[in-house]
Amino acid sequence: TGEKMLLIGRMSAQVPMNMTITGCML
């Protein structure tokens, strides 16, 4: 689409977001 993606939806946000969420889930 060429549209700017949501910040937390970008693949570059995967590590910081998932480490926080997964760490808390565990």
PDB file of all heavy atoms in Angstrom:
ATOM      1  N   THR A   1       0.815  -1.224   0.000  1.00  0.00           N
ATOM      2  CA  THR A   1       0.000   0.000   0.000  1.00  0.00           C
ATOM      3  C   THR A   1       0.846   1.272   0.000  1.00  0.00           C
ATOM      4  O   THR A   1       0.373   2.330  -0.407  1.00  0.00           O
ATOM      5  CB  THR A   1      -0.926   0.037   1.229  1.00  0.00           C
ATOM      6  OG1 THR A   1      -0.119   0.141   2.420  1.00  0.00           O
ATOM      7  CG2 THR A   1      -1.781  -1.222   1.315  1.00  0.00           C
ATOM      8  N   GLY A   2       2.089   1.174   0.502  1.00  0.00           N
ATOM      9  CA  GLY A   2       2.938   2.353   0.597  1.00  0.00           C
ATOM     10  C   GLY A   2       2.618   3.253   1.776  1.00  0.00           C
ATOM     11  O   GLY A   2       3.285   4.262   1.993  1.00  0.00           O
ATOM     12  N   GLU A   3       1.600   2.883   2.580  1.00  0.00           N
ATOM     13  CA  GLU A   3       1.224   3.728   3.718  1.00  0.00           C
ATOM     14  C   GLU A   3       2.178   3.520   4.895  1.00  0.00           C
ATOM     15  O   GLU A   3       2.767   2.447   5.053  1.00  0.00           O
ATOM     16  CB  GLU A   3      -0.213   3.424   4.158  1.00  0.00           C
ATOM     17  CG  GLU A   3      -0.390   2.026   4.724  1.00  0.00           C
ATOM     18  CD  GLU A   3      -1.830   1.665   5.062  1.00  0.00           C
ATOM     19  OE1 GLU A   3      -2.746   2.372   4.612  1.00  0.00           O
ATOM     20  OE2 GLU A   3      -2.030   0.663   5.774  1.00  0.00           O
ATOM     21  N   LYS A   4       2.335   4.584   5.708  1.00  0.00           N
ATOM     22  CA  LYS A   4       3.195   4.458   6.882  1.00  0.00           C
ATOM     23  C   LYS A   4       2.513   3.547   7.893  1.00  0.00           C
ATOM     24  O   LYS A   4       1.340   3.724   8.213  1.00  0.00           O
ATOM     25  CB  LYS A   4       3.461   5.833   7.503  1.00  0.00           C
ATOM     26  CG  LYS A   4       4.497   5.784   8.623  1.00  0.00           C
ATOM     27  CD  LYS A   4       4.697   7.147   9.270  1.00  0.00           C
ATOM     28  CE  LYS A   4       5.530   8.054   8.408  1.00  0.00           C
ATOM     29  NZ  LYS A   4       5.879   9.325   9.106  1.00  0.00           N
ATOM     30  N   MET A   5       3.246   2.568   8.393  1.00  0.00           N
ATOM     31  CA  MET A   5       2.664   1.571   9.298  1.00  0.00           C
ATOM     32  C   MET A   5       2.631   2.093  10.729  1.00  0.00           C
ATOM     33  O   MET A   5       3.433   2.954  11.117  1.00  0.00           O
ATOM     34  CB  MET A   5       3.480   0.272   9.233  1.00  0.00           C
ATOM     35  CG  MET A   5       3.437  -0.395   7.870  1.00  0.00           C
ATOM     36  SD  MET A   5       4.298  -1.998   7.818  1.00  0.00           S
ATOM     37  CE  MET A   5       6.007  -1.478   7.803  1.00  0.00           C
ATOM     38  N   LEU A   6       1.692   1.552  11.517  1.00  0.00           N
ATOM     39  CA  LEU A   6       1.617   1.888  12.941  1.00  0.00           C
ATOM     40  C   LEU A   6       2.941   1.558  13.606  1.00  0.00           C
ATOM     41  O   LEU A   6       3.526   0.499  13.340  1.00  0.00           O
ATOM     42  CB  LEU A   6       0.493   1.093  13.613  1.00  0.00           C
ATOM     43  CG  LEU A   6      -0.940   1.428  13.187  1.00  0.00           C
ATOM     44  CD1 LEU A   6      -1.893   0.336  13.669  1.00  0.00           C
ATOM     45  CD2 LEU A   6      -1.359   2.772  13.749  1.00  0.00           C
ATOM     46  N   LEU A   7       3.398   2.432  14.489  1.00  0.00           N
ATOM     47  CA  LEU A   7       4.722   2.271  15.090  1.00  0.00           C
ATOM     48  C   LEU A   7       4.902   0.908  15.754  1.00  0.00           C
ATOM     49  O   LEU A   7       5.865   0.192  15.487  1.00  0.00           O
ATOM     50  CB  LEU A   7       4.973   3.393  16.105  1.00  0.00           C
ATOM     51  CG  LEU A   7       6.371   3.418  16.720  1.00  0.00           C
ATOM     52  CD1 LEU A   7       7.390   3.879  15.685  1.00  0.00           C
ATOM     53  CD2 LEU A   7       6.419   4.340  17.937  1.00  0.00           C
ATOM     54  N   ILE A   8       3.949   0.522  16.635  1.00  0.00           N
ATOM     55  CA  ILE A   8       4.128  -0.739  17.368  1.00  0.00           C
ATOM     56  C   ILE A   8       3.800  -1.958  16.514  1.00  0.00           C
ATOM     57  O   ILE A   8       4.042  -3.084  16.923  1.00  0.00           O
ATOM     58  CB  ILE A   8       3.319  -0.775  18.686  1.00  0.00           C
ATOM     59  CG1 ILE A   8       1.816  -0.725  18.408  1.00  0.00           C
ATOM     60  CG2 ILE A   8       3.754   0.325  19.628  1.00  0.00           C
ATOM     61  CD1 ILE A   8       0.973  -0.994  19.643  1.00  0.00           C
ATOM     62  N   GLY A   9       3.264  -1.736  15.306  1.00  0.00           N
ATOM     63  CA  GLY A   9       2.969  -2.852  14.415  1.00  0.00           C
ATOM     64  C   GLY A   9       4.114  -3.192  13.483  1.00  0.00           C
ATOM     65  O   GLY A   9       4.084  -4.213  12.805  1.00  0.00           O
ATOM     66  N   ARG A  10       5.134  -2.330  13.452  1.00  0.00           N
ATOM     67  CA  ARG A  10       6.275  -2.574  12.566  1.00  0.00           C
ATOM     68  C   ARG A  10       7.126  -3.737  13.080  1.00  0.00           C
ATOM     69  O   ARG A  10       7.199  -3.966  14.285  1.00  0.00           O
ATOM     70  CB  ARG A  10       7.140  -1.305  12.452  1.00  0.00           C
ATOM     71  CG  ARG A  10       6.399  -0.119  11.880  1.00  0.00           C
ATOM     72  CD  ARG A  10       7.251   1.145  11.950  1.00  0.00           C
ATOM     73  NE  ARG A  10       6.431   2.325  11.712  1.00  0.00           N
ATOM     74  CZ  ARG A  10       6.844   3.575  11.878  1.00  0.00           C
ATOM     75  NH1 ARG A  10       8.091   3.795  12.296  1.00  0.00           N
ATOM     76  NH2 ARG A  10       6.034   4.589  11.645  1.00  0.00           N
ATOM     77  N   MET A  11       7.807  -4.412  12.164  1.00  0.00           N
ATOM     78  CA  MET A  11       8.649  -5.541  12.571  1.00  0.00           C
ATOM     79  C   MET A  11       9.812  -5.093  13.449  1.00  0.00           C
ATOM     80  O   MET A  11      10.323  -5.858  14.255  1.00  0.00           O
ATOM     81  CB  MET A  11       9.174  -6.287  11.336  1.00  0.00           C
ATOM     82  CG  MET A  11       8.099  -7.033  10.553  1.00  0.00           C
ATOM     83  SD  MET A  11       7.029  -8.093  11.567  1.00  0.00           S
ATOM     84  CE  MET A  11       8.173  -9.389  12.022  1.00  0.00           C
ATOM     85  N   SER A  12      10.224  -3.833  13.338  1.00  0.00           N
ATOM     86  CA  SER A  12      11.299  -3.320  14.196  1.00  0.00           C
ATOM     87  C   SER A  12      10.840  -3.165  15.645  1.00  0.00           C
ATOM     88  O   SER A  12      11.664  -3.008  16.550  1.00  0.00           O
ATOM     89  CB  SER A  12      11.816  -1.981  13.659  1.00  0.00           C
ATOM     90  OG  SER A  12      10.763  -1.101  13.354  1.00  0.00           O
ATOM     91  N   ALA A  13       9.510  -3.224  15.877  1.00  0.00           N
ATOM     92  CA  ALA A  13       8.991  -3.142  17.249  1.00  0.00           C
ATOM     93  C   ALA A  13       8.822  -4.513  17.881  1.00  0.00           C
ATOM     94  O   ALA A  13       8.497  -4.615  19.075  1.00  0.00           O
ATOM     95  CB  ALA A  13       7.641  -2.416  17.255  1.00  0.00           C
ATOM     96  N   GLN A  14       9.054  -5.572  17.098  1.00  0.00           N
ATOM     97  CA  GLN A  14       8.814  -6.931  17.603  1.00  0.00           C
ATOM     98  C   GLN A  14       9.642  -7.262  18.843  1.00  0.00           C
ATOM     99  O   GLN A  14       9.110  -7.796  19.819  1.00  0.00           O
ATOM    100  CB  GLN A  14       9.123  -7.950  16.498  1.00  0.00           C
ATOM    101  CG  GLN A  14       8.051  -8.091  15.459  1.00  0.00           C
ATOM    102  CD  GLN A  14       6.852  -8.846  15.958  1.00  0.00           C
ATOM    103  OE1 GLN A  14       6.918 -10.022  16.262  1.00  0.00           O
ATOM    104  NE2 GLN A  14       5.724  -8.175  16.066  1.00  0.00           N
ATOM    105  N   VAL A  15      10.931  -6.962  18.812  1.00  0.00           N
ATOM    106  CA  VAL A  15      11.792  -7.347  19.937  1.00  0.00           C
ATOM    107  C   VAL A  15      11.430  -6.574  21.208  1.00  0.00           C
ATOM    108  O   VAL A  15      11.150  -7.188  22.249  1.00  0.00           O
ATOM    109  CB  VAL A  15      13.286  -7.187  19.586  1.00  0.00           C
ATOM    110  CG1 VAL A  15      14.151  -7.392  20.829  1.00  0.00           C
ATOM    111  CG2 VAL A  15      13.679  -8.191  18.510  1.00  0.00           C
ATOM    112  N   PRO A  16      11.408  -5.218  21.199  1.00  0.00           N
ATOM    113  CA  PRO A  16      11.095  -4.516  22.452  1.00  0.00           C
ATOM    114  C   PRO A  16       9.691  -4.794  22.981  1.00  0.00           C
ATOM    115  O   PRO A  16       9.492  -4.931  24.194  1.00  0.00           O
ATOM    116  CB  PRO A  16      11.268  -3.033  22.102  1.00  0.00           C
ATOM    117  CG  PRO A  16      11.288  -2.962  20.623  1.00  0.00           C
ATOM    118  CD  PRO A  16      11.790  -4.264  20.129  1.00  0.00           C
ATOM    119  N   MET A  17       8.700  -4.903  22.083  1.00  0.00           N
ATOM    120  CA  MET A  17       7.326  -5.151  22.535  1.00  0.00           C
ATOM    121  C   MET A  17       7.168  -6.577  23.047  1.00  0.00           C
ATOM    122  O   MET A  17       6.614  -6.810  24.119  1.00  0.00           O
ATOM    123  CB  MET A  17       6.335  -4.893  21.391  1.00  0.00           C
ATOM    124  CG  MET A  17       6.187  -3.438  21.007  1.00  0.00           C
ATOM    125  SD  MET A  17       5.551  -2.392  22.348  1.00  0.00           S
ATOM    126  CE  MET A  17       3.909  -3.077  22.559  1.00  0.00           C
ATOM    127  N   ASN A  18       7.667  -7.549  22.264  1.00  0.00           N
ATOM    128  CA  ASN A  18       7.491  -8.950  22.659  1.00  0.00           C
ATOM    129  C   ASN A  18       8.313  -9.327  23.883  1.00  0.00           C
ATOM    130  O   ASN A  18       7.896 -10.174  24.672  1.00  0.00           O
ATOM    131  CB  ASN A  18       7.840  -9.882  21.496  1.00  0.00           C
ATOM    132  CG  ASN A  18       6.639 -10.182  20.620  1.00  0.00           C
ATOM    133  OD1 ASN A  18       5.516 -10.253  21.102  1.00  0.00           O
ATOM    134  ND2 ASN A  18       6.866 -10.335  19.333  1.00  0.00           N
ATOM    135  N   MET A  19       9.493  -8.709  24.046  1.00  0.00           N
ATOM    136  CA  MET A  19      10.286  -9.068  25.230  1.00  0.00           C
ATOM    137  C   MET A  19       9.578  -8.608  26.503  1.00  0.00           C
ATOM    138  O   MET A  19       9.619  -9.304  27.522  1.00  0.00           O
ATOM    139  CB  MET A  19      11.699  -8.473  25.152  1.00  0.00           C
ATOM    140  CG  MET A  19      11.797  -6.975  25.245  1.00  0.00           C
ATOM    141  SD  MET A  19      13.492  -6.362  25.045  1.00  0.00           S
ATOM    142  CE  MET A  19      14.169  -6.720  26.667  1.00  0.00           C
ATOM    143  N   THR A  20       8.895  -7.481  26.426  1.00  0.00           N
ATOM    144  CA  THR A  20       8.158  -6.976  27.584  1.00  0.00           C
ATOM    145  C   THR A  20       6.935  -7.845  27.869  1.00  0.00           C
ATOM    146  O   THR A  20       6.716  -8.305  28.996  1.00  0.00           O
ATOM    147  CB  THR A  20       7.728  -5.520  27.346  1.00  0.00           C
ATOM    148  OG1 THR A  20       8.883  -4.740  27.036  1.00  0.00           O
ATOM    149  CG2 THR A  20       7.040  -4.950  28.580  1.00  0.00           C
ATOM    150  N   ILE A  21       6.126  -8.066  26.819  1.00  0.00           N
ATOM    151  CA  ILE A  21       4.877  -8.818  26.994  1.00  0.00           C
ATOM    152  C   ILE A  21       5.157 -10.279  27.358  1.00  0.00           C
ATOM    153  O   ILE A  21       4.584 -10.825  28.314  1.00  0.00           O
ATOM    154  CB  ILE A  21       4.014  -8.731  25.722  1.00  0.00           C
ATOM    155  CG1 ILE A  21       3.569  -7.286  25.474  1.00  0.00           C
ATOM    156  CG2 ILE A  21       2.787  -9.650  25.843  1.00  0.00           C
ATOM    157  CD1 ILE A  21       2.918  -7.064  24.119  1.00  0.00           C
ATOM    158  N   THR A  22       6.053 -10.926  26.597  1.00  0.00           N
ATOM    159  CA  THR A  22       6.359 -12.335  26.852  1.00  0.00           C
ATOM    160  C   THR A  22       7.019 -12.516  28.209  1.00  0.00           C
ATOM    161  O   THR A  22       6.706 -13.466  28.944  1.00  0.00           O
ATOM    162  CB  THR A  22       7.264 -12.903  25.746  1.00  0.00           C
ATOM    163  OG1 THR A  22       6.651 -12.681  24.478  1.00  0.00           O
ATOM    164  CG2 THR A  22       7.505 -14.389  25.948  1.00  0.00           C
ATOM    165  N   GLY A  23       7.930 -11.606  28.562  1.00  0.00           N
ATOM    166  CA  GLY A  23       8.575 -11.681  29.877  1.00  0.00           C
ATOM    167  C   GLY A  23       7.561 -11.630  30.999  1.00  0.00           C
ATOM    168  O   GLY A  23       7.646 -12.388  31.977  1.00  0.00           O
ATOM    169  N   CYS A  24       6.576 -10.762  30.858  1.00  0.00           N
ATOM    170  CA  CYS A  24       5.531 -10.650  31.890  1.00  0.00           C
ATOM    171  C   CYS A  24       4.595 -11.853  31.880  1.00  0.00           C
ATOM    172  O   CYS A  24       4.154 -12.316  32.936  1.00  0.00           O
ATOM    173  CB  CYS A  24       4.739  -9.351  31.695  1.00  0.00           C
ATOM    174  SG  CYS A  24       5.684  -7.878  32.093  1.00  0.00           S
ATOM    175  N   MET A  25       4.315 -12.394  30.695  1.00  0.00           N
ATOM    176  CA  MET A  25       3.473 -13.598  30.616  1.00  0.00           C
ATOM    177  C   MET A  25       4.142 -14.770  31.333  1.00  0.00           C
ATOM    178  O   MET A  25       3.476 -15.573  32.002  1.00  0.00           O
ATOM    179  CB  MET A  25       3.216 -13.979  29.154  1.00  0.00           C
ATOM    180  CG  MET A  25       2.206 -13.105  28.438  1.00  0.00           C
ATOM    181  SD  MET A  25       2.169 -13.429  26.666  1.00  0.00           S
ATOM    182  CE  MET A  25       1.597 -15.100  26.612  1.00  0.00           C
ATOM    183  N   LEU A  26       5.469 -14.872  31.188  1.00  0.00           N
ATOM    184  CA  LEU A  26       6.197 -15.977  31.812  1.00  0.00           C
ATOM    185  C   LEU A  26       6.419 -15.757  33.304  1.00  0.00           C
ATOM    186  O   LEU A  26       6.628 -16.709  34.054  1.00  0.00           O
ATOM    187  CB  LEU A  26       7.558 -16.153  31.117  1.00  0.00           C
ATOM    188  CG  LEU A  26       7.519 -16.649  29.667  1.00  0.00           C
ATOM    189  CD1 LEU A  26       8.915 -16.629  29.055  1.00  0.00           C
ATOM    190  CD2 LEU A  26       6.918 -18.046  29.572  1.00  0.00           C
TER     191      LEU A  26
END
